[in-house]
Amino acid sequence: MSDRFASFQPSQSGPAASAFAITPSDATELAEPTRGIYVGQGGDISVIMLAGEAVVLRSVAAGSILPLRVRRVQATGTTASHLVGLL
């Protein structure tokens, strides 16, 4: 398939070009930092931001896309599920 935007540099505000399933873990960091997180089933999400801060996002609605650069999604404190990392 031809990609008319192949010669453009991706930006943080542009659309995601890749994605991966996120399995929350208190010990394992993601393979690479996200540009965003899609939330399939709503709830709380406990993350470690790229800069190292621990944050709990409360009552995130299903179907939300959060524009977050995170390096880990914690199992403890995360009740949301079907999370997808966007790159």
Protein backbone atom coordinates (compact mmCIF):
# COMPACT_ATOMS: atom_id res chain seq x y z
CA MET A 1 0.00 0.00 0.00
CA SER A 2 1.23 3.46 -0.83
CA ASP A 3 1.57 5.92 2.08
CA ARG A 4 1.44 9.52 0.90
CA PHE A 5 2.76 10.69 4.29
CA ALA A 6 5.81 8.39 4.44
CA SER A 7 8.22 11.30 3.93
CA PHE A 8 6.74 13.34 6.81
CA GLN A 9 8.13 13.21 10.34
CA PRO A 10 5.54 11.94 12.84
CA SER A 11 4.53 14.43 15.53
CA GLN A 12 3.24 13.95 19.06
CA SER A 13 -0.09 15.48 18.05
CA GLY A 14 -0.50 13.38 14.91
CA PRO A 15 -2.36 10.09 14.64
CA ALA A 16 -0.89 6.87 15.99
CA ALA A 17 0.82 4.63 13.45
CA SER A 18 1.29 1.56 15.66
CA ALA A 19 -0.32 -0.04 18.72
CA PHE A 20 0.20 -2.83 21.24
CA ALA A 21 -1.79 -4.48 24.04
CA ILE A 22 -0.86 -3.30 27.53
CA THR A 23 -0.67 -5.80 30.37
CA PRO A 24 -0.48 -3.85 33.64
CA SER A 25 2.52 -4.80 35.80
CA ASP A 26 4.04 -3.40 38.97
CA ALA A 27 7.53 -4.48 37.90
CA THR A 28 7.80 -4.46 34.10
CA GLU A 29 8.07 -1.30 32.03
CA LEU A 30 6.53 -1.11 28.58
CA ALA A 31 8.76 -1.96 25.61
CA GLU A 32 8.65 1.72 24.67
CA PRO A 33 6.87 4.83 25.98
CA THR A 34 3.37 5.44 24.67
CA ARG A 35 2.05 8.46 22.80
CA GLY A 36 -1.40 7.61 24.07
CA ILE A 37 -3.52 4.92 25.71
CA TYR A 38 -6.85 3.62 24.45
CA VAL A 39 -9.15 2.42 27.26
CA GLY A 40 -11.47 -0.40 26.18
CA GLN A 41 -13.22 -0.90 29.52
CA GLY A 42 -13.40 2.02 31.90
CA GLY A 43 -12.03 2.34 35.42
CA ASP A 44 -8.94 3.68 37.18
CA ILE A 45 -5.48 3.61 35.58
CA SER A 46 -2.31 3.80 37.65
CA VAL A 47 0.69 4.84 35.56
CA ILE A 48 4.32 5.84 35.80
CA MET A 49 4.79 8.80 33.50
CA LEU A 50 7.79 9.02 31.18
CA ALA A 51 9.45 11.52 33.56
CA GLY A 52 8.91 9.17 36.53
CA GLU A 53 5.86 10.54 38.35
CA ALA A 54 3.27 8.07 39.64
CA VAL A 55 -0.28 9.14 38.77
CA VAL A 56 -3.69 7.51 39.21
CA LEU A 57 -6.33 8.57 36.69
CA ARG A 58 -9.73 7.99 38.25
CA SER A 59 -12.95 6.87 36.54
CA VAL A 60 -11.65 6.92 32.97
CA ALA A 61 -14.53 6.24 30.59
CA ALA A 62 -14.54 3.29 28.20
CA GLY A 63 -13.54 4.33 24.70
CA SER A 64 -11.27 7.14 25.92
CA ILE A 65 -7.95 7.91 24.30
CA LEU A 66 -5.56 9.50 26.79
CA PRO A 67 -2.66 11.50 25.27
CA LEU A 68 -0.10 10.26 27.79
CA ARG A 69 3.60 9.44 27.57
CA VAL A 70 3.91 6.59 30.07
CA ARG A 71 6.60 4.01 30.69
CA ARG A 72 4.54 1.66 32.90
CA VAL A 73 0.92 0.87 33.67
CA GLN A 74 0.77 -0.44 37.22
CA ALA A 75 -1.32 -3.53 38.07
CA THR A 76 -1.94 -2.16 41.57
CA GLY A 77 -4.55 0.57 41.31
CA THR A 78 -5.59 -0.19 37.72
CA THR A 79 -9.17 -1.39 37.33
CA ALA A 80 -9.63 -0.36 33.68
CA SER A 81 -8.96 -3.09 31.13
CA HIS A 82 -8.49 -3.77 27.42
CA LEU A 83 -5.77 -1.11 27.36
CA VAL A 84 -3.90 -0.41 24.13
CA GLY A 85 -0.66 1.57 23.88
CA LEU A 86 -0.59 3.93 20.91
CA LEU A 87 2.65 4.87 19.18
